[in-house]
Amino acid sequence: MKVQEVKYISDYFISIKFDDGVYGTIELNDLVQKGIFKLLHDKNQFAKVYTNGYSIAWSNELEIDATTIYAELTGKHF
């Protein structure tokens, strides 16, 4: 599965769409409270989310694997 699209919605919410048709909205407020992801507490930085197909990212150092997000949306764990 690959991420086709990711969009900033507001606050710490993003929408994400996968190539198999799975899509949804995820809230990442907890994420921005931890470790290196605290840099994303600035909503202007958080809004710069993008995808390389296999993860959602904000930079080379700040990314989340697509399977983690997929599992969150579907309840399926790999």
PDB file of N, CA and C in Angstrom:
ATOM      1  N   MET A   1       0.829  -1.169   0.000  1.00  0.00           N
ATOM      2  CA  MET A   1       0.000   0.000   0.000  1.00  0.00           C
ATOM      3  C   MET A   1       0.881   1.243   0.000  1.00  0.00           C
ATOM      4  N   LYS A   2       0.452   2.208  -0.788  1.00  0.00           N
ATOM      5  CA  LYS A   2       1.169   3.477  -0.868  1.00  0.00           C
ATOM      6  C   LYS A   2       0.214   4.615  -0.551  1.00  0.00           C
ATOM      7  N   VAL A   3       0.775   5.655   0.017  1.00  0.00           N
ATOM      8  CA  VAL A   3      -0.005   6.866   0.268  1.00  0.00           C
ATOM      9  C   VAL A   3      -0.104   7.626  -1.043  1.00  0.00           C
ATOM     10  N   GLN A   4      -1.325   7.917  -1.453  1.00  0.00           N
ATOM     11  CA  GLN A   4      -1.530   8.710  -2.667  1.00  0.00           C
ATOM     12  C   GLN A   4      -1.566  10.192  -2.367  1.00  0.00           C
ATOM     13  N   GLU A   5      -2.145  10.523  -1.217  1.00  0.00           N
ATOM     14  CA  GLU A   5      -2.347  11.937  -0.923  1.00  0.00           C
ATOM     15  C   GLU A   5      -2.407  12.159   0.584  1.00  0.00           C
ATOM     16  N   VAL A   6      -1.841  13.242   1.012  1.00  0.00           N
ATOM     17  CA  VAL A   6      -1.963  13.665   2.409  1.00  0.00           C
ATOM     18  C   VAL A   6      -2.172  15.176   2.407  1.00  0.00           C
ATOM     19  N   LYS A   7      -3.110  15.633   3.241  1.00  0.00           N
ATOM     20  CA  LYS A   7      -3.430  17.060   3.307  1.00  0.00           C
ATOM     21  C   LYS A   7      -3.584  17.494   4.754  1.00  0.00           C
ATOM     22  N   TYR A   8      -3.068  18.654   5.032  1.00  0.00           N
ATOM     23  CA  TYR A   8      -3.294  19.301   6.322  1.00  0.00           C
ATOM     24  C   TYR A   8      -4.731  19.803   6.339  1.00  0.00           C
ATOM     25  N   ILE A   9      -5.435  19.544   7.429  1.00  0.00           N
ATOM     26  CA  ILE A   9      -6.815  20.024   7.558  1.00  0.00           C
ATOM     27  C   ILE A   9      -6.850  21.234   8.492  1.00  0.00           C
ATOM     28  N   SER A  10      -6.530  21.014   9.762  1.00  0.00           N
ATOM     29  CA  SER A  10      -6.457  22.099  10.747  1.00  0.00           C
ATOM     30  C   SER A  10      -5.868  21.530  12.027  1.00  0.00           C
ATOM     31  N   ASP A  11      -5.423  22.433  12.893  1.00  0.00           N
ATOM     32  CA  ASP A  11      -4.799  22.024  14.153  1.00  0.00           C
ATOM     33  C   ASP A  11      -3.808  20.891  13.892  1.00  0.00           C
ATOM     34  N   TYR A  12      -4.045  19.708  14.438  1.00  0.00           N
ATOM     35  CA  TYR A  12      -3.131  18.574  14.224  1.00  0.00           C
ATOM     36  C   TYR A  12      -3.850  17.434  13.508  1.00  0.00           C
ATOM     37  N   PHE A  13      -4.752  17.798  12.605  1.00  0.00           N
ATOM     38  CA  PHE A  13      -5.501  16.829  11.812  1.00  0.00           C
ATOM     39  C   PHE A  13      -4.984  16.815  10.379  1.00  0.00           C
ATOM     40  N   ILE A  14      -4.854  15.601   9.841  1.00  0.00           N
ATOM     41  CA  ILE A  14      -4.506  15.438   8.432  1.00  0.00           C
ATOM     42  C   ILE A  14      -5.470  14.439   7.810  1.00  0.00           C
ATOM     43  N   SER A  15      -5.696  14.592   6.511  1.00  0.00           N
ATOM     44  CA  SER A  15      -6.438  13.569   5.780  1.00  0.00           C
ATOM     45  C   SER A  15      -5.412  12.800   4.959  1.00  0.00           C
ATOM     46  N   ILE A  16      -5.683  11.522   4.791  1.00  0.00           N
ATOM     47  CA  ILE A  16      -4.745  10.667   4.074  1.00  0.00           C
ATOM     48  C   ILE A  16      -5.527   9.687   3.218  1.00  0.00           C
ATOM     49  N   LYS A  17      -4.995   9.422   2.013  1.00  0.00           N
ATOM     50  CA  LYS A  17      -5.638   8.503   1.074  1.00  0.00           C
ATOM     51  C   LYS A  17      -4.594   7.511   0.574  1.00  0.00           C
ATOM     52  N   PHE A  18      -4.968   6.232   0.614  1.00  0.00           N
ATOM     53  CA  PHE A  18      -4.081   5.169   0.153  1.00  0.00           C
ATOM     54  C   PHE A  18      -4.505   4.669  -1.224  1.00  0.00           C
ATOM     55  N   ASP A  19      -3.578   4.019  -1.912  1.00  0.00           N
ATOM     56  CA  ASP A  19      -3.844   3.555  -3.270  1.00  0.00           C
ATOM     57  C   ASP A  19      -4.855   2.407  -3.356  1.00  0.00           C
ATOM     58  N   ASP A  20      -5.199   1.784  -2.228  1.00  0.00           N
ATOM     59  CA  ASP A  20      -6.215   0.727  -2.250  1.00  0.00           C
ATOM     60  C   ASP A  20      -7.610   1.258  -1.918  1.00  0.00           C
ATOM     61  N   GLY A  21      -7.741   2.582  -1.821  1.00  0.00           N
ATOM     62  CA  GLY A  21      -9.034   3.200  -1.574  1.00  0.00           C
ATOM     63  C   GLY A  21      -9.297   3.558  -0.114  1.00  0.00           C
ATOM     64  N   VAL A  22      -8.470   3.086   0.797  1.00  0.00           N
ATOM     65  CA  VAL A  22      -8.629   3.443   2.211  1.00  0.00           C
ATOM     66  C   VAL A  22      -8.285   4.925   2.369  1.00  0.00           C
ATOM     67  N   TYR A  23      -9.133   5.639   3.078  1.00  0.00           N
ATOM     68  CA  TYR A  23      -8.863   7.047   3.353  1.00  0.00           C
ATOM     69  C   TYR A  23      -9.509   7.442   4.671  1.00  0.00           C
ATOM     70  N   GLY A  24      -9.063   8.527   5.207  1.00  0.00           N
ATOM     71  CA  GLY A  24      -9.639   9.011   6.446  1.00  0.00           C
ATOM     72  C   GLY A  24      -8.878  10.190   6.996  1.00  0.00           C
ATOM     73  N   THR A  25      -9.285  10.597   8.182  1.00  0.00           N
ATOM     74  CA  THR A  25      -8.677  11.724   8.878  1.00  0.00           C
ATOM     75  C   THR A  25      -8.049  11.215  10.163  1.00  0.00           C
ATOM     76  N   ILE A  26      -6.866  11.712  10.448  1.00  0.00           N
ATOM     77  CA  ILE A  26      -6.150  11.307  11.657  1.00  0.00           C
ATOM     78  C   ILE A  26      -5.772  12.548  12.449  1.00  0.00           C
ATOM     79  N   GLU A  27      -5.921  12.440  13.760  1.00  0.00           N
ATOM     80  CA  GLU A  27      -5.532  13.502  14.671  1.00  0.00           C
ATOM     81  C   GLU A  27      -4.206  13.085  15.311  1.00  0.00           C
ATOM     82  N   LEU A  28      -3.199  13.944  15.219  1.00  0.00           N
ATOM     83  CA  LEU A  28      -1.857  13.617  15.699  1.00  0.00           C
ATOM     84  C   LEU A  28      -1.411  14.516  16.848  1.00  0.00           C
ATOM     85  N   ASN A  29      -2.350  14.981  17.643  1.00  0.00           N
ATOM     86  CA  ASN A  29      -2.018  15.845  18.773  1.00  0.00           C
ATOM     87  C   ASN A  29      -1.043  15.171  19.735  1.00  0.00           C
ATOM     88  N   ASP A  30      -1.241  13.880  20.032  1.00  0.00           N
ATOM     89  CA  ASP A  30      -0.333  13.160  20.935  1.00  0.00           C
ATOM     90  C   ASP A  30       1.090  13.105  20.378  1.00  0.00           C
ATOM     91  N   LEU A  31       1.200  12.947  19.064  1.00  0.00           N
ATOM     92  CA  LEU A  31       2.515  12.840  18.429  1.00  0.00           C
ATOM     93  C   LEU A  31       3.358  14.086  18.660  1.00  0.00           C
ATOM     94  N   VAL A  32       2.766  15.259  18.525  1.00  0.00           N
ATOM     95  CA  VAL A  32       3.532  16.504  18.632  1.00  0.00           C
ATOM     96  C   VAL A  32       3.938  16.828  20.059  1.00  0.00           C
ATOM     97  N   GLN A  33       3.603  15.972  20.988  1.00  0.00           N
ATOM     98  CA  GLN A  33       3.992  16.146  22.383  1.00  0.00           C
ATOM     99  C   GLN A  33       5.234  15.336  22.734  1.00  0.00           C
ATOM    100  N   LYS A  34       5.764  14.549  21.762  1.00  0.00           N
ATOM    101  CA  LYS A  34       6.822  13.580  22.060  1.00  0.00           C
ATOM    102  C   LYS A  34       8.100  13.815  21.258  1.00  0.00           C
ATOM    103  N   GLY A  35       9.217  13.699  21.927  1.00  0.00           N
ATOM    104  CA  GLY A  35      10.533  13.666  21.293  1.00  0.00           C
ATOM    105  C   GLY A  35      10.750  14.700  20.213  1.00  0.00           C
ATOM    106  N   ILE A  36      11.348  14.249  19.130  1.00  0.00           N
ATOM    107  CA  ILE A  36      11.683  15.140  18.012  1.00  0.00           C
ATOM    108  C   ILE A  36      10.434  15.731  17.359  1.00  0.00           C
ATOM    109  N   PHE A  37       9.291  15.052  17.511  1.00  0.00           N
ATOM    110  CA  PHE A  37       8.057  15.545  16.903  1.00  0.00           C
ATOM    111  C   PHE A  37       7.530  16.807  17.588  1.00  0.00           C
ATOM    112  N   LYS A  38       8.117  17.185  18.726  1.00  0.00           N
ATOM    113  CA  LYS A  38       7.728  18.441  19.384  1.00  0.00           C
ATOM    114  C   LYS A  38       7.952  19.638  18.462  1.00  0.00           C
ATOM    115  N   LEU A  39       8.848  19.490  17.493  1.00  0.00           N
ATOM    116  CA  LEU A  39       9.073  20.559  16.519  1.00  0.00           C
ATOM    117  C   LEU A  39       7.801  20.888  15.749  1.00  0.00           C
ATOM    118  N   LEU A  40       6.906  19.908  15.658  1.00  0.00           N
ATOM    119  CA  LEU A  40       5.669  20.094  14.905  1.00  0.00           C
ATOM    120  C   LEU A  40       4.562  20.735  15.738  1.00  0.00           C
ATOM    121  N   HIS A  41       4.877  21.074  16.980  1.00  0.00           N
ATOM    122  CA  HIS A  41       3.894  21.766  17.801  1.00  0.00           C
ATOM    123  C   HIS A  41       3.526  23.097  17.157  1.00  0.00           C
ATOM    124  N   ASP A  42       4.462  23.678  16.412  1.00  0.00           N
ATOM    125  CA  ASP A  42       4.203  24.877  15.611  1.00  0.00           C
ATOM    126  C   ASP A  42       3.306  24.455  14.447  1.00  0.00           C
ATOM    127  N   LYS A  43       2.078  24.923  14.439  1.00  0.00           N
ATOM    128  CA  LYS A  43       1.108  24.488  13.426  1.00  0.00           C
ATOM    129  C   LYS A  43       1.533  24.855  12.007  1.00  0.00           C
ATOM    130  N   ASN A  44       2.315  25.903  11.859  1.00  0.00           N
ATOM    131  CA  ASN A  44       2.814  26.249  10.527  1.00  0.00           C
ATOM    132  C   ASN A  44       3.756  25.162  10.002  1.00  0.00           C
ATOM    133  N   GLN A  45       4.555  24.597  10.893  1.00  0.00           N
ATOM    134  CA  GLN A  45       5.438  23.481  10.519  1.00  0.00           C
ATOM    135  C   GLN A  45       4.617  22.218  10.261  1.00  0.00           C
ATOM    136  N   PHE A  46       3.644  21.954  11.132  1.00  0.00           N
ATOM    137  CA  PHE A  46       2.802  20.772  10.975  1.00  0.00           C
ATOM    138  C   PHE A  46       2.070  20.788   9.635  1.00  0.00           C
ATOM    139  N   ALA A  47       1.652  21.966   9.201  1.00  0.00           N
ATOM    140  CA  ALA A  47       0.900  22.111   7.945  1.00  0.00           C
ATOM    141  C   ALA A  47       1.728  21.766   6.716  1.00  0.00           C
ATOM    142  N   LYS A  48       3.030  21.635   6.849  1.00  0.00           N
ATOM    143  CA  LYS A  48       3.910  21.330   5.717  1.00  0.00           C
ATOM    144  C   LYS A  48       4.011  19.837   5.427  1.00  0.00           C
ATOM    145  N   VAL A  49       3.072  19.040   5.936  1.00  0.00           N
ATOM    146  CA  VAL A  49       3.083  17.594   5.752  1.00  0.00           C
ATOM    147  C   VAL A  49       3.057  17.238   4.258  1.00  0.00           C
ATOM    148  N   TYR A  50       3.767  16.184   3.906  1.00  0.00           N
ATOM    149  CA  TYR A  50       3.786  15.683   2.529  1.00  0.00           C
ATOM    150  C   TYR A  50       3.989  14.171   2.575  1.00  0.00           C
ATOM    151  N   THR A  51       3.933  13.533   1.415  1.00  0.00           N
ATOM    152  CA  THR A  51       4.176  12.103   1.348  1.00  0.00           C
ATOM    153  C   THR A  51       5.211  11.787   0.278  1.00  0.00           C
ATOM    154  N   ASN A  52       5.964  10.714   0.521  1.00  0.00           N
ATOM    155  CA  ASN A  52       6.860  10.181  -0.500  1.00  0.00           C
ATOM    156  C   ASN A  52       6.298   8.847  -1.003  1.00  0.00           C
ATOM    157  N   GLY A  53       5.076   8.536  -0.599  1.00  0.00           N
ATOM    158  CA  GLY A  53       4.408   7.307  -0.993  1.00  0.00           C
ATOM    159  C   GLY A  53       4.467   6.222   0.066  1.00  0.00           C
ATOM    160  N   TYR A  54       5.553   6.191   0.803  1.00  0.00           N
ATOM    161  CA  TYR A  54       5.744   5.137   1.803  1.00  0.00           C
ATOM    162  C   TYR A  54       5.675   5.658   3.235  1.00  0.00           C
ATOM    163  N   SER A  55       5.578   6.970   3.367  1.00  0.00           N
ATOM    164  CA  SER A  55       5.445   7.577   4.683  1.00  0.00           C
ATOM    165  C   SER A  55       4.797   8.942   4.521  1.00  0.00           C
ATOM    166  N   ILE A  56       4.364   9.490   5.660  1.00  0.00           N
ATOM    167  CA  ILE A  56       4.011  10.902   5.669  1.00  0.00           C
ATOM    168  C   ILE A  56       5.154  11.591   6.395  1.00  0.00           C
ATOM    169  N   ALA A  57       5.491  12.777   5.958  1.00  0.00           N
ATOM    170  CA  ALA A  57       6.704  13.407   6.475  1.00  0.00           C
ATOM    171  C   ALA A  57       6.555  14.918   6.540  1.00  0.00           C
ATOM    172  N   TRP A  58       7.467  15.480   7.302  1.00  0.00           N
ATOM    173  CA  TRP A  58       7.612  16.921   7.404  1.00  0.00           C
ATOM    174  C   TRP A  58       9.041  17.316   7.056  1.00  0.00           C
ATOM    175  N   SER A  59       9.948  16.346   7.097  1.00  0.00           N
ATOM    176  CA  SER A  59      11.348  16.500   6.700  1.00  0.00           C
ATOM    177  C   SER A  59      11.935  15.093   6.639  1.00  0.00           C
ATOM    178  N   ASN A  60      13.214  15.000   6.287  1.00  0.00           N
ATOM    179  CA  ASN A  60      13.867  13.689   6.252  1.00  0.00           C
ATOM    180  C   ASN A  60      13.934  13.044   7.629  1.00  0.00           C
ATOM    181  N   GLU A  61      13.968  13.844   8.673  1.00  0.00           N
ATOM    182  CA  GLU A  61      14.077  13.326  10.038  1.00  0.00           C
ATOM    183  C   GLU A  61      12.718  13.086  10.689  1.00  0.00           C
ATOM    184  N   LEU A  62      11.691  13.749  10.200  1.00  0.00           N
ATOM    185  CA  LEU A  62      10.362  13.671  10.809  1.00  0.00           C
ATOM    186  C   LEU A  62       9.392  12.986   9.862  1.00  0.00           C
ATOM    187  N   GLU A  63       9.211  11.679  10.053  1.00  0.00           N
ATOM    188  CA  GLU A  63       8.278  10.956   9.206  1.00  0.00           C
ATOM    189  C   GLU A  63       7.654   9.788   9.962  1.00  0.00           C
ATOM    190  N   ILE A  64       6.502   9.367   9.477  1.00  0.00           N
ATOM    191  CA  ILE A  64       5.774   8.232  10.049  1.00  0.00           C
ATOM    192  C   ILE A  64       5.529   7.244   8.922  1.00  0.00           C
ATOM    193  N   ASP A  65       5.844   5.990   9.161  1.00  0.00           N
ATOM    194  CA  ASP A  65       5.653   4.945   8.174  1.00  0.00           C
ATOM    195  C   ASP A  65       4.169   4.819   7.809  1.00  0.00           C
ATOM    196  N   ALA A  66       3.894   4.602   6.534  1.00  0.00           N
ATOM    197  CA  ALA A  66       2.519   4.502   6.051  1.00  0.00           C
ATOM    198  C   ALA A  66       1.753   3.358   6.707  1.00  0.00           C
ATOM    199  N   THR A  67       2.423   2.258   7.022  1.00  0.00           N
ATOM    200  CA  THR A  67       1.708   1.134   7.640  1.00  0.00           C
ATOM    201  C   THR A  67       1.176   1.503   9.020  1.00  0.00           C
ATOM    202  N   THR A  68       1.863   2.362   9.723  1.00  0.00           N
ATOM    203  CA  THR A  68       1.390   2.821  11.031  1.00  0.00           C
ATOM    204  C   THR A  68       0.080   3.592  10.883  1.00  0.00           C
ATOM    205  N   ILE A  69       0.030   4.474   9.915  1.00  0.00           N
ATOM    206  CA  ILE A  69      -1.173   5.269   9.666  1.00  0.00           C
ATOM    207  C   ILE A  69      -2.294   4.374   9.144  1.00  0.00           C
ATOM    208  N   TYR A  70      -1.954   3.446   8.260  1.00  0.00           N
ATOM    209  CA  TYR A  70      -2.939   2.523   7.698  1.00  0.00           C
ATOM    210  C   TYR A  70      -3.587   1.710   8.826  1.00  0.00           C
ATOM    211  N   ALA A  71      -2.769   1.214   9.732  1.00  0.00           N
ATOM    212  CA  ALA A  71      -3.283   0.439  10.864  1.00  0.00           C
ATOM    213  C   ALA A  71      -4.208   1.285  11.734  1.00  0.00           C
ATOM    214  N   GLU A  72      -3.861   2.533  11.925  1.00  0.00           N
ATOM    215  CA  GLU A  72      -4.689   3.446  12.712  1.00  0.00           C
ATOM    216  C   GLU A  72      -6.055   3.638  12.076  1.00  0.00           C
ATOM    217  N   LEU A  73      -6.077   3.788  10.748  1.00  0.00           N
ATOM    218  CA  LEU A  73      -7.330   4.014  10.037  1.00  0.00           C
ATOM    219  C   LEU A  73      -8.203   2.763   9.955  1.00  0.00           C
ATOM    220  N   THR A  74      -7.586   1.609   9.772  1.00  0.00           N
ATOM    221  CA  THR A  74      -8.345   0.387   9.491  1.00  0.00           C
ATOM    222  C   THR A  74      -8.500  -0.541  10.685  1.00  0.00           C
ATOM    223  N   GLY A  75      -7.646  -0.377  11.682  1.00  0.00           N
ATOM    224  CA  GLY A  75      -7.646  -1.312  12.805  1.00  0.00           C
ATOM    225  C   GLY A  75      -6.896  -2.609  12.499  1.00  0.00           C
ATOM    226  N   LYS A  76      -6.316  -2.687  11.304  1.00  0.00           N
ATOM    227  CA  LYS A  76      -5.519  -3.865  10.918  1.00  0.00           C
ATOM    228  C   LYS A  76      -4.070  -3.637  11.312  1.00  0.00           C
ATOM    229  N   HIS A  77      -3.489  -4.625  11.968  1.00  0.00           N
ATOM    230  CA  HIS A  77      -2.101  -4.497  12.376  1.00  0.00           C
ATOM    231  C   HIS A  77      -1.270  -5.551  11.661  1.00  0.00           C
ATOM    232  N   PHE A  78      -0.107  -5.148  11.181  1.00  0.00           N
ATOM    233  CA  PHE A  78       0.735  -6.011  10.365  1.00  0.00           C
ATOM    234  C   PHE A  78       1.890  -6.562  11.171  1.00  0.00           C
TER     235      PHE A  78
END
